[in-house]
Structure formats: C-alpha cells, structure tokens
Amino acid sequence: LRKPAKQPNKHVVVVTFFGTWCPPCVKQLNLLEKLYQKFKDDHVKFFIIDNTKYFREDPPNDWDGFRNAPITSELFKEMNINMTVLEDKNISIAKKYEITVVPKIFVIDKNQVIRIIKKLIFFRGGIKC
C-alpha cells in the first residue's frame, strides 16, 4: 500500500483514528472487527491509527483518563481485535489528516480518493454516523 500505483491489486482502505482513552473509539472496535472479517479477503484493508501512547506520555490536560488508558495490545487481545494497528507516535498522521476528534473514519477508494469521512456518535441503543 505504500506505492499503490505499483500494486497489482488496488485496495479500498478503511482507516480509523483511535485512542484507548476514548470510550466511543473502544465501542466501535467490535463493529469494525466484524467489517474487517467480512471484507478482509476482498481487497479491503483496515488500519487503526492509534494515539494512545502519545497522549499517555504527553496529555493535553490533567485528565487522568489519558495516563490511565489501557495498553492497546492488551485491550485488543482481550477484545479479540485482529485489524492492523499503526502507532502514531508523535501524532504526525493525525496532524496530516487534521484530526481534532476521535473516532474518525476515512474510507479511501482504489484510486486513493477519500470518499467518506465519518465521525461516529454513540448513543443509547446504537451508533449514528
């Protein structure tokens, strides 16, 4: 996926920006895992861009939720999440995509065009996009 023009098979890419300190981010994982399992063999790639460690080490405020956030690998093992996780160590990816709130999901088509950007909103009874 680094040089998509040279790839024999082009992929749709689903990217979500995520932190374990964010309850809606954690809540979306089971739904995303179901989608991943359904489409993983159909030229659809899923990536989780994780900023947990960055905010644990350099929180923007005094809220203890950042420092006490679960370790991503442990949470994913406990929840049986198998998607690829990319650690955004200095939030450079989040800055590039102008992420100011998480979770935020991007769907990028086979031609590298961002087609869908969704901020998920969770409420009692379900998910609203």
C-alpha atoms as a PDB file:
ATOM      1  CA  LEU A   1       0.000   0.000   0.000  1.00  0.00           C
ATOM      2  CA  ARG A   2       2.984   2.308   0.205  1.00  0.00           C
ATOM      3  CA  LYS A   3       3.255   2.538  -3.583  1.00  0.00           C
ATOM      4  CA  PRO A   4      -0.304   1.815  -4.699  1.00  0.00           C
ATOM      5  CA  ALA A   5       0.385   2.610  -8.370  1.00  0.00           C
ATOM      6  CA  LYS A   6       2.805  -0.331  -8.463  1.00  0.00           C
ATOM      7  CA  GLN A   7       0.494  -2.748  -6.653  1.00  0.00           C
ATOM      8  CA  PRO A   8      -1.086  -5.386  -8.906  1.00  0.00           C
ATOM      9  CA  ASN A   9      -4.302  -5.217  -6.866  1.00  0.00           C
ATOM     10  CA  LYS A  10      -5.641  -1.901  -5.693  1.00  0.00           C
ATOM     11  CA  HIS A  11      -7.433  -1.828  -2.371  1.00  0.00           C
ATOM     12  CA  VAL A  12     -10.139   0.125  -0.673  1.00  0.00           C
ATOM     13  CA  VAL A  13      -8.690   1.349   2.624  1.00  0.00           C
ATOM     14  CA  VAL A  14     -10.619   1.951   5.833  1.00  0.00           C
ATOM     15  CA  VAL A  15      -8.711   3.998   8.402  1.00  0.00           C
ATOM     16  CA  THR A  16      -9.902   4.921  11.863  1.00  0.00           C
ATOM     17  CA  PHE A  17      -8.133   7.284  14.243  1.00  0.00           C
ATOM     18  CA  PHE A  18      -8.276   5.856  17.721  1.00  0.00           C
ATOM     19  CA  GLY A  19      -7.221   6.057  21.363  1.00  0.00           C
ATOM     20  CA  THR A  20      -7.968   3.570  24.142  1.00  0.00           C
ATOM     21  CA  TRP A  21      -8.733   6.532  26.407  1.00  0.00           C
ATOM     22  CA  CYS A  22     -11.755   7.308  24.181  1.00  0.00           C
ATOM     23  CA  PRO A  23     -14.902   5.264  25.054  1.00  0.00           C
ATOM     24  CA  PRO A  24     -16.530   5.750  21.611  1.00  0.00           C
ATOM     25  CA  CYS A  25     -13.284   4.578  19.982  1.00  0.00           C
ATOM     26  CA  VAL A  26     -13.323   1.373  22.013  1.00  0.00           C
ATOM     27  CA  LYS A  27     -17.042   0.895  21.394  1.00  0.00           C
ATOM     28  CA  GLN A  28     -16.543   0.995  17.596  1.00  0.00           C
ATOM     29  CA  LEU A  29     -13.995  -1.841  17.646  1.00  0.00           C
ATOM     30  CA  ASN A  30     -16.442  -4.753  17.587  1.00  0.00           C
ATOM     31  CA  LEU A  31     -18.317  -3.283  14.611  1.00  0.00           C
ATOM     32  CA  LEU A  32     -15.081  -2.582  12.736  1.00  0.00           C
ATOM     33  CA  GLU A  33     -13.803  -6.080  13.502  1.00  0.00           C
ATOM     34  CA  LYS A  34     -16.984  -7.571  12.029  1.00  0.00           C
ATOM     35  CA  LEU A  35     -16.488  -5.491   8.868  1.00  0.00           C
ATOM     36  CA  TYR A  36     -12.831  -6.475   8.760  1.00  0.00           C
ATOM     37  CA  GLN A  37     -13.684 -10.178   8.999  1.00  0.00           C
ATOM     38  CA  LYS A  38     -16.346  -9.813   6.286  1.00  0.00           C
ATOM     39  CA  PHE A  39     -14.156  -7.920   3.782  1.00  0.00           C
ATOM     40  CA  LYS A  40     -10.546  -8.876   4.587  1.00  0.00           C
ATOM     41  CA  ASP A  41     -10.316 -11.181   1.562  1.00  0.00           C
ATOM     42  CA  ASP A  42     -11.978  -8.696  -0.830  1.00  0.00           C
ATOM     43  CA  HIS A  43      -9.199  -6.142  -1.445  1.00  0.00           C
ATOM     44  CA  VAL A  44     -10.271  -4.024   1.537  1.00  0.00           C
ATOM     45  CA  LYS A  45      -7.584  -3.070   4.043  1.00  0.00           C
ATOM     46  CA  PHE A  46      -8.359  -1.858   7.564  1.00  0.00           C
ATOM     47  CA  PHE A  47      -5.979   0.208   9.678  1.00  0.00           C
ATOM     48  CA  ILE A  48      -6.299   1.634  13.164  1.00  0.00           C
ATOM     49  CA  ILE A  49      -4.159   4.719  13.723  1.00  0.00           C
ATOM     50  CA  ASP A  50      -3.543   4.658  17.469  1.00  0.00           C
ATOM     51  CA  ASN A  51      -2.559   7.716  19.505  1.00  0.00           C
ATOM     52  CA  THR A  52      -2.905   6.131  22.950  1.00  0.00           C
ATOM     53  CA  LYS A  53       0.790   6.101  23.848  1.00  0.00           C
ATOM     54  CA  TYR A  54       1.332   9.678  22.700  1.00  0.00           C
ATOM     55  CA  PHE A  55      -1.476  11.034  24.881  1.00  0.00           C
ATOM     56  CA  ARG A  56      -0.498   8.803  27.810  1.00  0.00           C
ATOM     57  CA  GLU A  57       3.022  10.259  27.764  1.00  0.00           C
ATOM     58  CA  ASP A  58       2.109  13.851  26.845  1.00  0.00           C
ATOM     59  CA  PRO A  59      -1.510  14.526  27.838  1.00  0.00           C
ATOM     60  CA  PRO A  60      -3.024  17.842  26.696  1.00  0.00           C
ATOM     61  CA  ASN A  61      -4.581  18.393  30.141  1.00  0.00           C
ATOM     62  CA  ASP A  62      -4.747  16.958  33.663  1.00  0.00           C
ATOM     63  CA  TRP A  63      -7.455  14.389  32.931  1.00  0.00           C
ATOM     64  CA  ASP A  64      -6.329  11.038  34.366  1.00  0.00           C
ATOM     65  CA  GLY A  65      -8.024   9.138  31.535  1.00  0.00           C
ATOM     66  CA  PHE A  66      -5.031   9.728  29.274  1.00  0.00           C
ATOM     67  CA  ARG A  67      -2.443   8.443  31.731  1.00  0.00           C
ATOM     68  CA  ASN A  68      -4.623   5.520  32.819  1.00  0.00           C
ATOM     69  CA  ALA A  69      -5.664   4.461  29.309  1.00  0.00           C
ATOM     70  CA  PRO A  70      -5.444   0.724  28.630  1.00  0.00           C
ATOM     71  CA  ILE A  71      -2.434  -0.527  26.692  1.00  0.00           C
ATOM     72  CA  THR A  72      -3.621  -1.031  23.134  1.00  0.00           C
ATOM     73  CA  SER A  73      -2.183  -4.517  22.579  1.00  0.00           C
ATOM     74  CA  GLU A  74      -3.698  -5.793  25.821  1.00  0.00           C
ATOM     75  CA  LEU A  75      -7.120  -4.317  25.055  1.00  0.00           C
ATOM     76  CA  PHE A  76      -7.099  -5.738  21.519  1.00  0.00           C
ATOM     77  CA  LYS A  77      -6.118  -9.178  22.774  1.00  0.00           C
ATOM     78  CA  GLU A  78      -8.904  -9.076  25.371  1.00  0.00           C
ATOM     79  CA  MET A  79     -11.456  -7.955  22.743  1.00  0.00           C
ATOM     80  CA  ASN A  80     -10.109 -10.288  20.003  1.00  0.00           C
ATOM     81  CA  ILE A  81      -9.424  -7.408  17.592  1.00  0.00           C
ATOM     82  CA  ASN A  82      -7.271  -8.501  14.648  1.00  0.00           C
ATOM     83  CA  MET A  83      -7.011  -5.404  12.461  1.00  0.00           C
ATOM     84  CA  THR A  84      -3.638  -3.814  11.771  1.00  0.00           C
ATOM     85  CA  VAL A  85      -2.707  -1.163  14.331  1.00  0.00           C
ATOM     86  CA  LEU A  86      -0.286   1.627  13.454  1.00  0.00           C
ATOM     87  CA  GLU A  87       1.050   3.663  16.350  1.00  0.00           C
ATOM     88  CA  ASP A  88       1.021   7.406  15.652  1.00  0.00           C
ATOM     89  CA  LYS A  89       3.973   8.087  17.969  1.00  0.00           C
ATOM     90  CA  ASN A  90       4.097  11.853  17.520  1.00  0.00           C
ATOM     91  CA  ILE A  91       0.581  12.269  16.088  1.00  0.00           C
ATOM     92  CA  SER A  92       2.069  13.282  12.731  1.00  0.00           C
ATOM     93  CA  ILE A  93      -0.523  11.209  10.845  1.00  0.00           C
ATOM     94  CA  ALA A  94      -3.348  12.766  12.855  1.00  0.00           C
ATOM     95  CA  LYS A  95      -1.958  16.219  12.087  1.00  0.00           C
ATOM     96  CA  LYS A  96      -1.689  15.410   8.380  1.00  0.00           C
ATOM     97  CA  TYR A  97      -5.368  14.399   8.302  1.00  0.00           C
ATOM     98  CA  GLU A  98      -6.351  17.342  10.560  1.00  0.00           C
ATOM     99  CA  ILE A  99      -7.803  15.055  13.223  1.00  0.00           C
ATOM    100  CA  THR A 100      -9.223  17.078  16.098  1.00  0.00           C
ATOM    101  CA  VAL A 101     -11.661  14.495  17.416  1.00  0.00           C
ATOM    102  CA  VAL A 102     -11.699  10.703  17.593  1.00  0.00           C
ATOM    103  CA  PRO A 103     -13.001   8.341  16.497  1.00  0.00           C
ATOM    104  CA  LYS A 104     -12.861   9.456  12.900  1.00  0.00           C
ATOM    105  CA  ILE A 105     -13.115   7.036   9.993  1.00  0.00           C
ATOM    106  CA  PHE A 106     -11.894   7.536   6.441  1.00  0.00           C
ATOM    107  CA  VAL A 107     -12.772   5.310   3.513  1.00  0.00           C
ATOM    108  CA  ILE A 108     -10.309   5.681   0.655  1.00  0.00           C
ATOM    109  CA  ASP A 109     -11.191   4.197  -2.722  1.00  0.00           C
ATOM    110  CA  LYS A 110      -8.964   2.131  -5.025  1.00  0.00           C
ATOM    111  CA  ASN A 111      -7.742   5.332  -6.712  1.00  0.00           C
ATOM    112  CA  GLN A 112      -6.592   6.904  -3.417  1.00  0.00           C
ATOM    113  CA  VAL A 113      -9.534   9.306  -3.235  1.00  0.00           C
ATOM    114  CA  ILE A 114     -11.075   9.876   0.187  1.00  0.00           C
ATOM    115  CA  ARG A 115     -14.738   9.056  -0.360  1.00  0.00           C
ATOM    116  CA  ILE A 116     -16.189   9.000   3.129  1.00  0.00           C
ATOM    117  CA  ILE A 117     -15.226  10.750   6.342  1.00  0.00           C
ATOM    118  CA  LYS A 118     -17.310   9.844   9.368  1.00  0.00           C
ATOM    119  CA  LYS A 119     -17.247  10.916  12.941  1.00  0.00           C
ATOM    120  CA  LEU A 120     -19.133   8.304  14.924  1.00  0.00           C
ATOM    121  CA  ILE A 121     -21.564   9.374  17.577  1.00  0.00           C
ATOM    122  CA  PHE A 122     -22.656   6.783  20.100  1.00  0.00           C
ATOM    123  CA  PHE A 123     -25.937   6.945  21.933  1.00  0.00           C
ATOM    124  CA  ARG A 124     -28.074   4.541  23.955  1.00  0.00           C
ATOM    125  CA  GLY A 125     -29.280   1.925  21.537  1.00  0.00           C
ATOM    126  CA  GLY A 126     -26.683   2.233  18.807  1.00  0.00           C
ATOM    127  CA  ILE A 127     -24.319   4.160  16.615  1.00  0.00           C
ATOM    128  CA  LYS A 128     -25.072   7.189  14.494  1.00  0.00           C
ATOM    129  CA  CYS A 129     -22.806   8.399  11.706  1.00  0.00           C
END
